[in-house]
C-alpha atoms as a PDB file:
ATOM      1  CA  UNK A   1      59.484  20.551  40.965  1.00  0.00           C
ATOM      2  CA  UNK A   2      61.891  20.479  43.654  1.00  0.00           C
ATOM      3  CA  UNK A   3      64.789  22.920  45.080  1.00  0.00           C
ATOM      4  CA  UNK A   4      67.024  23.909  42.342  1.00  0.00           C
ATOM      5  CA  UNK A   5      70.609  22.669  42.752  1.00  0.00           C
ATOM      6  CA  UNK A   6      73.127  24.995  41.093  1.00  0.00           C
ATOM      7  CA  UNK A   7      76.517  24.320  40.417  1.00  0.00           C
ATOM      8  CA  UNK A   8      78.006  27.677  38.674  1.00  0.00           C
ATOM      9  CA  UNK A   9      76.960  30.989  37.524  1.00  0.00           C
ATOM     10  CA  UNK A  10      78.646  33.390  35.308  1.00  0.00           C
ATOM     11  CA  UNK A  11      78.744  36.890  33.949  1.00  0.00           C
ATOM     12  CA  UNK A  12      81.255  37.372  31.320  1.00  0.00           C
ATOM     13  CA  UNK A  13      79.840  40.976  30.302  1.00  0.00           C
ATOM     14  CA  UNK A  14      80.497  42.275  33.734  1.00  0.00           C
ATOM     15  CA  UNK A  15      77.734  43.542  35.941  1.00  0.00           C
ATOM     16  CA  UNK A  16      76.438  47.389  35.992  1.00  0.00           C
ATOM     17  CA  UNK A  17      76.085  48.359  39.629  1.00  0.00           C
ATOM     18  CA  UNK A  18      73.706  51.492  38.923  1.00  0.00           C
ATOM     19  CA  UNK A  19      69.790  51.298  38.331  1.00  0.00           C
ATOM     20  CA  UNK A  20      68.507  51.464  34.738  1.00  0.00           C
ATOM     21  CA  UNK A  21      71.018  48.757  33.383  1.00  0.00           C
ATOM     22  CA  UNK A  22      70.306  45.303  31.795  1.00  0.00           C
ATOM     23  CA  UNK A  23      72.774  42.593  32.447  1.00  0.00           C
ATOM     24  CA  UNK A  24      73.158  38.896  31.182  1.00  0.00           C
ATOM     25  CA  UNK A  25      74.498  35.719  32.677  1.00  0.00           C
ATOM     26  CA  UNK A  26      74.591  32.051  32.601  1.00  0.00           C
ATOM     27  CA  UNK A  27      73.731  29.334  35.306  1.00  0.00           C
ATOM     28  CA  UNK A  28      74.528  25.965  35.522  1.00  0.00           C
ATOM     29  CA  UNK A  29      72.498  22.997  37.320  1.00  0.00           C
ATOM     30  CA  UNK A  30      72.294  19.946  38.296  1.00  0.00           C
ATOM     31  CA  UNK A  31      68.776  19.908  37.750  1.00  0.00           C
ATOM     32  CA  UNK A  32      66.653  21.131  35.441  1.00  0.00           C
ATOM     33  CA  UNK A  33      65.655  24.876  35.311  1.00  0.00           C
ATOM     34  CA  UNK A  34      62.414  26.611  33.825  1.00  0.00           C
ATOM     35  CA  UNK A  35      62.229  29.539  31.912  1.00  0.00           C
ATOM     36  CA  UNK A  36      60.905  32.628  33.752  1.00  0.00           C
ATOM     37  CA  UNK A  37      62.354  31.484  37.272  1.00  0.00           C
ATOM     38  CA  UNK A  38      63.496  34.359  39.573  1.00  0.00           C
ATOM     39  CA  UNK A  39      67.128  34.768  39.472  1.00  0.00           C
ATOM     40  CA  UNK A  40      68.829  36.733  42.246  1.00  0.00           C
ATOM     41  CA  UNK A  41      72.347  37.976  42.472  1.00  0.00           C
ATOM     42  CA  UNK A  42      73.988  39.737  45.194  1.00  0.00           C
ATOM     43  CA  UNK A  43      76.931  41.567  45.810  1.00  0.00           C
ATOM     44  CA  UNK A  44      80.091  40.781  48.690  1.00  0.00           C
ATOM     45  CA  UNK A  45      80.628  44.784  48.961  1.00  0.00           C
ATOM     46  CA  UNK A  46      79.520  47.534  50.743  1.00  0.00           C
ATOM     47  CA  UNK A  47      77.195  48.252  53.755  1.00  0.00           C
ATOM     48  CA  UNK A  48      74.253  47.403  52.007  1.00  0.00           C
ATOM     49  CA  UNK A  49      75.327  45.218  48.640  1.00  0.00           C
ATOM     50  CA  UNK A  50      74.042  45.728  45.598  1.00  0.00           C
ATOM     51  CA  UNK A  51      71.143  43.620  44.409  1.00  0.00           C
ATOM     52  CA  UNK A  52      70.204  42.227  40.611  1.00  0.00           C
ATOM     53  CA  UNK A  53      67.180  40.419  39.944  1.00  0.00           C
ATOM     54  CA  UNK A  54      66.482  38.435  36.784  1.00  0.00           C
ATOM     55  CA  UNK A  55      65.232  35.643  35.221  1.00  0.00           C
ATOM     56  CA  UNK A  56      66.252  32.089  33.798  1.00  0.00           C
ATOM     57  CA  UNK A  57      66.194  31.995  30.072  1.00  0.00           C
ATOM     58  CA  UNK A  58      66.187  29.629  27.501  1.00  0.00           C
ATOM     59  CA  UNK A  59      68.710  26.799  27.501  1.00  0.00           C
ATOM     60  CA  UNK A  60      72.429  27.691  25.966  1.00  0.00           C
ATOM     61  CA  UNK A  61      74.041  25.066  23.748  1.00  0.00           C
ATOM     62  CA  UNK A  62      76.501  24.178  26.975  1.00  0.00           C
ATOM     63  CA  UNK A  63      74.771  21.039  28.786  1.00  0.00           C
ATOM     64  CA  UNK A  64      73.286  21.595  31.610  1.00  0.00           C
ATOM     65  CA  UNK A  65      73.153  25.671  31.304  1.00  0.00           C
ATOM     66  CA  UNK A  66      70.378  28.529  30.723  1.00  0.00           C
ATOM     67  CA  UNK A  67      70.899  32.130  30.157  1.00  0.00           C
ATOM     68  CA  UNK A  68      70.088  34.546  32.859  1.00  0.00           C
ATOM     69  CA  UNK A  69      68.086  37.425  31.375  1.00  0.00           C
ATOM     70  CA  UNK A  70      66.342  40.895  32.090  1.00  0.00           C
ATOM     71  CA  UNK A  71      69.222  41.163  34.823  1.00  0.00           C
ATOM     72  CA  UNK A  72      68.693  44.721  36.493  1.00  0.00           C
ATOM     73  CA  UNK A  73      69.487  46.288  39.575  1.00  0.00           C
ATOM     74  CA  UNK A  74      66.557  46.509  42.141  1.00  0.00           C
ATOM     75  CA  UNK A  75      69.193  47.651  44.940  1.00  0.00           C
ATOM     76  CA  UNK A  76      72.286  49.957  44.642  1.00  0.00           C
ATOM     77  CA  UNK A  77      75.420  49.643  47.157  1.00  0.00           C
ATOM     78  CA  UNK A  78      75.814  51.964  49.991  1.00  0.00           C
ATOM     79  CA  UNK A  79      79.403  51.832  49.788  1.00  0.00           C
ATOM     80  CA  UNK A  80      82.470  51.900  52.366  1.00  0.00           C
ATOM     81  CA  UNK A  81      85.580  53.757  52.219  1.00  0.00           C
ATOM     82  CA  UNK A  82      87.822  51.498  49.671  1.00  0.00           C
ATOM     83  CA  UNK A  83      90.661  51.524  47.213  1.00  0.00           C
ATOM     84  CA  UNK A  84      89.897  51.700  43.637  1.00  0.00           C
ATOM     85  CA  UNK A  85      91.466  48.859  42.797  1.00  0.00           C
ATOM     86  CA  UNK A  86      88.815  46.976  44.700  1.00  0.00           C
ATOM     87  CA  UNK A  87      85.898  48.481  42.709  1.00  0.00           C
ATOM     88  CA  UNK A  88      86.549  46.611  39.556  1.00  0.00           C
ATOM     89  CA  UNK A  89      85.611  42.825  40.889  1.00  0.00           C
ATOM     90  CA  UNK A  90      83.271  41.597  43.240  1.00  0.00           C
ATOM     91  CA  UNK A  91      82.059  38.399  44.502  1.00  0.00           C
ATOM     92  CA  UNK A  92      78.690  37.549  43.939  1.00  0.00           C
ATOM     93  CA  UNK A  93      75.855  35.108  45.006  1.00  0.00           C
ATOM     94  CA  UNK A  94      73.632  33.662  42.813  1.00  0.00           C
ATOM     95  CA  UNK A  95      70.392  31.726  43.391  1.00  0.00           C
ATOM     96  CA  UNK A  96      67.441  30.514  41.572  1.00  0.00           C
ATOM     97  CA  UNK A  97      63.904  30.437  42.396  1.00  0.00           C
ATOM     98  CA  UNK A  98      61.623  27.238  41.623  1.00  0.00           C
ATOM     99  CA  UNK A  99      57.713  29.458  41.853  1.00  0.00           C
ATOM    100  CA  UNK A 100      55.805  26.237  41.853  1.00  0.00           C
ATOM    101  CA  UNK A 101      54.237  26.226  44.908  1.00  0.00           C
ATOM    102  CA  UNK A 102      55.795  26.295  47.735  1.00  0.00           C
ATOM    103  CA  UNK A 103      58.440  28.070  46.390  1.00  0.00           C
ATOM    104  CA  UNK A 104      61.911  26.602  46.910  1.00  0.00           C
ATOM    105  CA  UNK A 105      65.228  28.796  46.219  1.00  0.00           C
ATOM    106  CA  UNK A 106      68.409  26.909  45.722  1.00  0.00           C
ATOM    107  CA  UNK A 107      71.786  27.139  47.334  1.00  0.00           C
ATOM    108  CA  UNK A 108      73.928  30.440  47.007  1.00  0.00           C
ATOM    109  CA  UNK A 109      76.933  29.596  44.103  1.00  0.00           C
ATOM    110  CA  UNK A 110      79.633  32.339  44.470  1.00  0.00           C
ATOM    111  CA  UNK A 111      81.204  33.805  41.186  1.00  0.00           C
ATOM    112  CA  UNK A 112      83.669  36.427  40.660  1.00  0.00           C
ATOM    113  CA  UNK A 113      82.132  39.349  38.241  1.00  0.00           C
ATOM    114  CA  UNK A 114      83.594  42.337  36.793  1.00  0.00           C
ATOM    115  CA  UNK A 115      81.155  44.922  38.333  1.00  0.00           C
ATOM    116  CA  UNK A 116      80.828  48.232  36.014  1.00  0.00           C
ATOM    117  CA  UNK A 117      80.070  51.328  38.194  1.00  0.00           C
END
């Protein structure tokens, strides 16, 4: 199969920024995605942004949309000093990788996400 072509990502329940939590979301794509394919979400704040890793789950009832499951922090953010108002939301970039050799990673799509400290 070819490189995934993502349209959008959404995280309506928010994303925890600390290890020990599993979050969920959805991805919508122009190409079919495979269950279990790796999903990587990267924050845009901090000296070293937060990174979440999960996998593609089952298709949803929405057209061309799949669940993102088992999404957990692998790298916690190394923050810069910021105002409290900056901590509640953060844009995140999401990619999906087709692991079939040779592996092919999608272009990132950016989504606003509520982050949970």
